[in-house]
Amino acid sequence: DSGRHFYDVYRCSDGEYVSVGSIEPVFYARLLAA
């Protein structure tokens, strides 16, 4: 419910947004690496 940094939306430089939902450890590790 937006209480964790790895499950939230983030604002980009053009004012648009992206969503991140890297709950599982393997996906979180891939997010950090990317």
All heavy atoms as atom14 arrays in JSON, in Angstrom:
{
  "sequence": "DSGRHFYDVYRCSDGEYVSVGSIEPVFYARLLAA",
  "atom14_mask": [
    [1, 1, 1, 1, 1, 1, 1, 1, 0, 0, 0, 0, 0, 0],
    [1, 1, 1, 1, 1, 1, 0, 0, 0, 0, 0, 0, 0, 0],
    [1, 1, 1, 1, 0, 0, 0, 0, 0, 0, 0, 0, 0, 0],
    [1, 1, 1, 1, 1, 1, 1, 1, 1, 1, 1, 0, 0, 0],
    [1, 1, 1, 1, 1, 1, 1, 1, 1, 1, 0, 0, 0, 0],
    [1, 1, 1, 1, 1, 1, 1, 1, 1, 1, 1, 0, 0, 0],
    [1, 1, 1, 1, 1, 1, 1, 1, 1, 1, 1, 1, 0, 0],
    [1, 1, 1, 1, 1, 1, 1, 1, 0, 0, 0, 0, 0, 0],
    [1, 1, 1, 1, 1, 1, 1, 0, 0, 0, 0, 0, 0, 0],
    [1, 1, 1, 1, 1, 1, 1, 1, 1, 1, 1, 1, 0, 0],
    [1, 1, 1, 1, 1, 1, 1, 1, 1, 1, 1, 0, 0, 0],
    [1, 1, 1, 1, 1, 1, 0, 0, 0, 0, 0, 0, 0, 0],
    [1, 1, 1, 1, 1, 1, 0, 0, 0, 0, 0, 0, 0, 0],
    [1, 1, 1, 1, 1, 1, 1, 1, 0, 0, 0, 0, 0, 0],
    [1, 1, 1, 1, 0, 0, 0, 0, 0, 0, 0, 0, 0, 0],
    [1, 1, 1, 1, 1, 1, 1, 1, 1, 0, 0, 0, 0, 0],
    [1, 1, 1, 1, 1, 1, 1, 1, 1, 1, 1, 1, 0, 0],
    [1, 1, 1, 1, 1, 1, 1, 0, 0, 0, 0, 0, 0, 0],
    [1, 1, 1, 1, 1, 1, 0, 0, 0, 0, 0, 0, 0, 0],
    [1, 1, 1, 1, 1, 1, 1, 0, 0, 0, 0, 0, 0, 0],
    [1, 1, 1, 1, 0, 0, 0, 0, 0, 0, 0, 0, 0, 0],
    [1, 1, 1, 1, 1, 1, 0, 0, 0, 0, 0, 0, 0, 0],
    [1, 1, 1, 1, 1, 1, 1, 1, 0, 0, 0, 0, 0, 0],
    [1, 1, 1, 1, 1, 1, 1, 1, 1, 0, 0, 0, 0, 0],
    [1, 1, 1, 1, 1, 1, 1, 0, 0, 0, 0, 0, 0, 0],
    [1, 1, 1, 1, 1, 1, 1, 0, 0, 0, 0, 0, 0, 0],
    [1, 1, 1, 1, 1, 1, 1, 1, 1, 1, 1, 0, 0, 0],
    [1, 1, 1, 1, 1, 1, 1, 1, 1, 1, 1, 1, 0, 0],
    [1, 1, 1, 1, 1, 0, 0, 0, 0, 0, 0, 0, 0, 0],
    [1, 1, 1, 1, 1, 1, 1, 1, 1, 1, 1, 0, 0, 0],
    [1, 1, 1, 1, 1, 1, 1, 1, 0, 0, 0, 0, 0, 0],
    [1, 1, 1, 1, 1, 1, 1, 1, 0, 0, 0, 0, 0, 0],
    [1, 1, 1, 1, 1, 0, 0, 0, 0, 0, 0, 0, 0, 0],
    [1, 1, 1, 1, 1, 0, 0, 0, 0, 0, 0, 0, 0, 0]
  ],
  "atom14_positions": [
    [[0.83, -1.22, 0.0], [0.0, 0.0, 0.0], [0.86, 1.27, 0.0], [0.46, 2.29, 0.53], [-0.96, 0.0, 1.19], [-0.25, 0.14, 2.54], [0.99, 0.02, 2.56], [-0.94, 0.36, 3.55], [0.0, 0.0, 0.0], [0.0, 0.0, 0.0], [0.0, 0.0, 0.0], [0.0, 0.0, 0.0], [0.0, 0.0, 0.0], [0.0, 0.0, 0.0]],
    [[2.02, 1.19, -0.61], [3.03, 2.26, -0.72], [3.89, 2.37, 0.53], [4.67, 3.31, 0.68], [2.4, 3.64, -1.0], [1.79, 4.2, 0.14], [0.0, 0.0, 0.0], [0.0, 0.0, 0.0], [0.0, 0.0, 0.0], [0.0, 0.0, 0.0], [0.0, 0.0, 0.0], [0.0, 0.0, 0.0], [0.0, 0.0, 0.0], [0.0, 0.0, 0.0]],
    [[3.84, 1.36, 1.4], [4.62, 1.39, 2.63], [6.04, 0.89, 2.48], [6.82, 0.92, 3.45], [0.0, 0.0, 0.0], [0.0, 0.0, 0.0], [0.0, 0.0, 0.0], [0.0, 0.0, 0.0], [0.0, 0.0, 0.0], [0.0, 0.0, 0.0], [0.0, 0.0, 0.0], [0.0, 0.0, 0.0], [0.0, 0.0, 0.0], [0.0, 0.0, 0.0]],
    [[6.43, 0.41, 1.28], [7.78, -0.08, 1.05], [8.33, 0.55, -0.23], [7.61, 0.72, -1.21], [7.8, -1.62, 0.9], [7.22, -2.37, 2.09], [8.12, -2.28, 3.32], [7.61, -3.13, 4.4], [6.71, -2.76, 5.3], [6.2, -1.53, 5.26], [6.3, -3.6, 6.24], [0.0, 0.0, 0.0], [0.0, 0.0, 0.0], [0.0, 0.0, 0.0]],
    [[9.62, 0.82, -0.22], [10.21, 1.51, -1.36], [10.21, 0.68, -2.62], [10.28, 1.22, -3.73], [11.66, 1.93, -1.02], [12.6, 0.77, -0.86], [12.78, 0.11, 0.34], [13.41, 0.14, -1.75], [13.66, -0.86, 0.18], [14.07, -0.86, -1.08], [0.0, 0.0, 0.0], [0.0, 0.0, 0.0], [0.0, 0.0, 0.0], [0.0, 0.0, 0.0]],
    [[10.16, -0.63, -2.48], [10.23, -1.52, -3.65], [8.84, -1.84, -4.21], [8.71, -2.65, -5.12], [10.96, -2.82, -3.3], [10.45, -3.5, -2.05], [9.32, -4.3, -2.07], [11.1, -3.3, -0.84], [8.85, -4.9, -0.92], [10.64, -3.9, 0.32], [9.5, -4.71, 0.28], [0.0, 0.0, 0.0], [0.0, 0.0, 0.0], [0.0, 0.0, 0.0]],
    [[7.79, -1.22, -3.66], [6.43, -1.4, -4.19], [5.74, -0.04, -4.2], [5.01, 0.31, -3.29], [5.64, -2.4, -3.32], [4.41, -2.97, -4.02], [4.51, -4.13, -4.77], [3.18, -2.33, -3.94], [3.4, -4.65, -5.41], [2.06, -2.84, -4.58], [2.18, -4.01, -5.31], [1.08, -4.52, -5.95], [0.0, 0.0, 0.0], [0.0, 0.0, 0.0]],
    [[6.04, 0.74, -5.25], [5.54, 2.11, -5.27], [5.64, 2.67, -6.69], [6.12, 1.98, -7.6], [6.35, 2.98, -4.3], [5.52, 4.13, -3.72], [4.52, 4.52, -4.35], [5.88, 4.64, -2.65], [0.0, 0.0, 0.0], [0.0, 0.0, 0.0], [0.0, 0.0, 0.0], [0.0, 0.0, 0.0], [0.0, 0.0, 0.0], [0.0, 0.0, 0.0]],
    [[5.21, 3.91, -6.85], [5.37, 4.61, -8.12], [6.33, 5.77, -7.92], [6.39, 6.36, -6.83], [4.01, 5.13, -8.65], [3.1, 3.98, -8.99], [3.34, 6.06, -7.65], [0.0, 0.0, 0.0], [0.0, 0.0, 0.0], [0.0, 0.0, 0.0], [0.0, 0.0, 0.0], [0.0, 0.0, 0.0], [0.0, 0.0, 0.0], [0.0, 0.0, 0.0]],
    [[7.09, 6.08, -8.98], [8.1, 7.13, -8.9], [7.95, 8.1, -10.07], [7.69, 7.68, -11.21], [9.5, 6.52, -8.88], [9.8, 5.78, -7.59], [9.55, 4.41, -7.49], [10.29, 6.46, -6.48], [9.81, 3.73, -6.29], [10.54, 5.79, -5.29], [10.29, 4.43, -5.2], [10.53, 3.78, -4.02], [0.0, 0.0, 0.0], [0.0, 0.0, 0.0]],
    [[8.15, 9.37, -9.76], [8.01, 10.42, -10.76], [9.29, 10.57, -11.57], [10.39, 10.56, -11.01], [7.68, 11.75, -10.07], [7.19, 12.85, -11.0], [6.73, 14.05, -10.17], [6.02, 15.04, -10.98], [6.6, 16.05, -11.6], [7.92, 16.21, -11.49], [5.9, 16.91, -12.31], [0.0, 0.0, 0.0], [0.0, 0.0, 0.0], [0.0, 0.0, 0.0]],
    [[9.14, 10.72, -12.88], [10.3, 10.85, -13.76], [10.51, 12.32, -14.12], [9.73, 13.2, -13.75], [10.07, 10.01, -15.03], [9.73, 8.27, -14.68], [0.0, 0.0, 0.0], [0.0, 0.0, 0.0], [0.0, 0.0, 0.0], [0.0, 0.0, 0.0], [0.0, 0.0, 0.0], [0.0, 0.0, 0.0], [0.0, 0.0, 0.0], [0.0, 0.0, 0.0]],
    [[11.57, 12.58, -14.87], [11.94, 13.97, -15.15], [10.92, 14.68, -16.02], [10.85, 15.92, -16.01], [13.32, 14.01, -15.82], [13.28, 13.37, -17.09], [0.0, 0.0, 0.0], [0.0, 0.0, 0.0], [0.0, 0.0, 0.0], [0.0, 0.0, 0.0], [0.0, 0.0, 0.0], [0.0, 0.0, 0.0], [0.0, 0.0, 0.0], [0.0, 0.0, 0.0]],
    [[10.11, 13.93, -16.77], [9.1, 14.56, -17.64], [7.74, 14.67, -16.96], [6.74, 15.01, -17.6], [8.97, 13.78, -18.95], [8.66, 12.31, -18.74], [8.6, 11.87, -17.57], [8.47, 11.58, -19.73], [0.0, 0.0, 0.0], [0.0, 0.0, 0.0], [0.0, 0.0, 0.0], [0.0, 0.0, 0.0], [0.0, 0.0, 0.0], [0.0, 0.0, 0.0]],
    [[7.68, 14.34, -15.67], [6.42, 14.42, -14.94], [5.57, 13.17, -15.04], [4.54, 13.07, -14.39], [0.0, 0.0, 0.0], [0.0, 0.0, 0.0], [0.0, 0.0, 0.0], [0.0, 0.0, 0.0], [0.0, 0.0, 0.0], [0.0, 0.0, 0.0], [0.0, 0.0, 0.0], [0.0, 0.0, 0.0], [0.0, 0.0, 0.0], [0.0, 0.0, 0.0]],
    [[6.01, 12.19, -15.83], [5.31, 10.91, -15.91], [5.81, 9.99, -14.79], [6.77, 10.32, -14.09], [5.53, 10.27, -17.28], [5.06, 11.12, -18.45], [3.56, 11.31, -18.48], [2.84, 10.5, -17.85], [3.1, 12.27, -19.12], [0.0, 0.0, 0.0], [0.0, 0.0, 0.0], [0.0, 0.0, 0.0], [0.0, 0.0, 0.0], [0.0, 0.0, 0.0]],
    [[5.18, 8.82, -14.67], [5.5, 7.92, -13.57], [5.83, 6.51, -14.06], [5.42, 6.1, -15.15], [4.33, 7.84, -12.58], [4.14, 9.1, -11.77], [3.45, 10.19, -12.3], [4.66, 9.21, -10.48], [3.28, 11.36, -11.57], [4.49, 10.37, -9.74], [3.81, 11.44, -10.29], [3.64, 12.58, -9.56], [0.0, 0.0, 0.0], [0.0, 0.0, 0.0]],
    [[6.57, 5.79, -13.23], [6.82, 4.36, -13.44], [6.4, 3.62, -12.18], [6.36, 4.18, -11.09], [8.31, 4.07, -13.76], [8.71, 4.67, -15.09], [9.21, 4.57, -12.63], [0.0, 0.0, 0.0], [0.0, 0.0, 0.0], [0.0, 0.0, 0.0], [0.0, 0.0, 0.0], [0.0, 0.0, 0.0], [0.0, 0.0, 0.0], [0.0, 0.0, 0.0]],
    [[6.08, 2.34, -12.35], [5.7, 1.52, -11.21], [6.76, 0.45, -10.97], [7.31, -0.13, -11.9], [4.35, 0.84, -11.46], [4.44, -0.14, -12.48], [0.0, 0.0, 0.0], [0.0, 0.0, 0.0], [0.0, 0.0, 0.0], [0.0, 0.0, 0.0], [0.0, 0.0, 0.0], [0.0, 0.0, 0.0], [0.0, 0.0, 0.0], [0.0, 0.0, 0.0]],
    [[7.04, 0.22, -9.7], [8.01, -0.8, -9.28], [7.3, -1.72, -8.29], [6.67, -1.25, -7.34], [9.24, -0.15, -8.61], [10.14, -1.22, -8.0], [10.01, 0.68, -9.63], [0.0, 0.0, 0.0], [0.0, 0.0, 0.0], [0.0, 0.0, 0.0], [0.0, 0.0, 0.0], [0.0, 0.0, 0.0], [0.0, 0.0, 0.0], [0.0, 0.0, 0.0]],
    [[7.38, -3.01, -8.53], [6.73, -3.98, -7.63], [7.63, -5.16, -7.34], [7.2, -6.31, -7.38], [0.0, 0.0, 0.0], [0.0, 0.0, 0.0], [0.0, 0.0, 0.0], [0.0, 0.0, 0.0], [0.0, 0.0, 0.0], [0.0, 0.0, 0.0], [0.0, 0.0, 0.0], [0.0, 0.0, 0.0], [0.0, 0.0, 0.0], [0.0, 0.0, 0.0]],
    [[8.89, -4.88, -7.02], [9.9, -5.93, -6.86], [9.85, -6.53, -5.46], [10.76, -6.35, -4.64], [11.29, -5.36, -7.15], [11.3, -4.67, -8.38], [0.0, 0.0, 0.0], [0.0, 0.0, 0.0], [0.0, 0.0, 0.0], [0.0, 0.0, 0.0], [0.0, 0.0, 0.0], [0.0, 0.0, 0.0], [0.0, 0.0, 0.0], [0.0, 0.0, 0.0]],
    [[8.81, -7.28, -5.16], [8.62, -7.83, -3.82], [9.58, -8.98, -3.54], [10.27, -9.02, -2.51], [7.17, -8.31, -3.64], [6.2, -7.11, -3.71], [7.01, -9.03, -2.31], [4.74, -7.51, -3.64], [0.0, 0.0, 0.0], [0.0, 0.0, 0.0], [0.0, 0.0, 0.0], [0.0, 0.0, 0.0], [0.0, 0.0, 0.0], [0.0, 0.0, 0.0]],
    [[9.64, -9.94, -4.45], [10.48, -11.12, -4.23], [11.96, -10.76, -4.31], [12.36, -9.91, -5.11], [10.15, -12.21, -5.25], [8.74, -12.79, -5.12], [7.65, -11.93, -5.75], [8.0, -10.89, -6.37], [6.47, -12.28, -5.64], [0.0, 0.0, 0.0], [0.0, 0.0, 0.0], [0.0, 0.0, 0.0], [0.0, 0.0, 0.0], [0.0, 0.0, 0.0]],
    [[12.79, -11.39, -3.5], [14.22, -11.06, -3.45], [14.92, -11.11, -4.8], [15.75, -10.25, -5.1], [14.8, -12.1, -2.48], [13.64, -12.45, -1.59], [12.43, -12.4, -2.46], [0.0, 0.0, 0.0], [0.0, 0.0, 0.0], [0.0, 0.0, 0.0], [0.0, 0.0, 0.0], [0.0, 0.0, 0.0], [0.0, 0.0, 0.0], [0.0, 0.0, 0.0]],
    [[14.58, -12.09, -5.63], [15.26, -12.22, -6.91], [14.96, -11.01, -7.8], [15.85, -10.49, -8.5], [14.87, -13.54, -7.62], [13.37, -13.61, -7.9], [15.66, -13.72, -8.91], [0.0, 0.0, 0.0], [0.0, 0.0, 0.0], [0.0, 0.0, 0.0], [0.0, 0.0, 0.0], [0.0, 0.0, 0.0], [0.0, 0.0, 0.0], [0.0, 0.0, 0.0]],
    [[13.7, -10.54, -7.77], [13.34, -9.4, -8.6], [13.9, -8.1, -8.03], [14.28, -7.19, -8.77], [11.82, -9.31, -8.75], [11.21, -10.56, -9.35], [10.12, -11.18, -8.75], [11.72, -11.1, -10.52], [9.56, -12.31, -9.29], [11.16, -12.25, -11.08], [10.08, -12.85, -10.46], [0.0, 0.0, 0.0], [0.0, 0.0, 0.0], [0.0, 0.0, 0.0]],
    [[13.97, -8.02, -6.72], [14.55, -6.83, -6.08], [16.03, -6.72, -6.43], [16.52, -5.62, -6.74], [14.35, -6.92, -4.57], [14.87, -5.72, -3.81], [14.31, -4.46, -4.01], [15.92, -5.84, -2.9], [14.77, -3.35, -3.3], [16.39, -4.73, -2.19], [15.81, -3.49, -2.41], [16.27, -2.4, -1.72], [0.0, 0.0, 0.0], [0.0, 0.0, 0.0]],
    [[16.72, -7.84, -6.4], [18.14, -7.82, -6.75], [18.33, -7.38, -8.2], [19.27, -6.62, -8.52], [18.75, -9.2, -6.52], [0.0, 0.0, 0.0], [0.0, 0.0, 0.0], [0.0, 0.0, 0.0], [0.0, 0.0, 0.0], [0.0, 0.0, 0.0], [0.0, 0.0, 0.0], [0.0, 0.0, 0.0], [0.0, 0.0, 0.0], [0.0, 0.0, 0.0]],
    [[17.44, -7.84, -9.09], [17.54, -7.44, -10.49], [17.24, -5.96, -10.67], [17.85, -5.29, -11.51], [16.57, -8.28, -11.33], [16.99, -9.74, -11.46], [15.92, -10.57, -12.15], [16.3, -11.98, -12.22], [15.49, -12.97, -12.57], [14.23, -12.68, -12.9], [15.91, -14.21, -12.6], [0.0, 0.0, 0.0], [0.0, 0.0, 0.0], [0.0, 0.0, 0.0]],
    [[16.32, -5.43, -9.88], [16.02, -4.01, -9.95], [17.24, -3.18, -9.57], [17.63, -2.25, -10.29], [14.84, -3.67, -9.02], [14.52, -2.18, -8.9], [13.92, -1.65, -10.2], [13.59, -1.92, -7.71], [0.0, 0.0, 0.0], [0.0, 0.0, 0.0], [0.0, 0.0, 0.0], [0.0, 0.0, 0.0], [0.0, 0.0, 0.0], [0.0, 0.0, 0.0]],
    [[17.86, -3.52, -8.44], [19.04, -2.78, -8.0], [20.16, -2.85, -9.04], [20.84, -1.86, -9.31], [19.52, -3.32, -6.65], [18.56, -3.14, -5.46], [19.17, -3.76, -4.21], [18.23, -1.66, -5.24], [0.0, 0.0, 0.0], [0.0, 0.0, 0.0], [0.0, 0.0, 0.0], [0.0, 0.0, 0.0], [0.0, 0.0, 0.0], [0.0, 0.0, 0.0]],
    [[20.35, -4.05, -9.6], [21.41, -4.22, -10.6], [21.13, -3.38, -11.84], [22.02, -2.72, -12.39], [21.54, -5.69, -10.97], [0.0, 0.0, 0.0], [0.0, 0.0, 0.0], [0.0, 0.0, 0.0], [0.0, 0.0, 0.0], [0.0, 0.0, 0.0], [0.0, 0.0, 0.0], [0.0, 0.0, 0.0], [0.0, 0.0, 0.0], [0.0, 0.0, 0.0]],
    [[19.88, -3.39, -12.3], [19.52, -2.64, -13.5], [19.66, -1.13, -13.28], [19.98, -0.38, -14.21], [18.1, -2.97, -13.92], [0.0, 0.0, 0.0], [0.0, 0.0, 0.0], [0.0, 0.0, 0.0], [0.0, 0.0, 0.0], [0.0, 0.0, 0.0], [0.0, 0.0, 0.0], [0.0, 0.0, 0.0], [0.0, 0.0, 0.0], [0.0, 0.0, 0.0]]
  ]
}
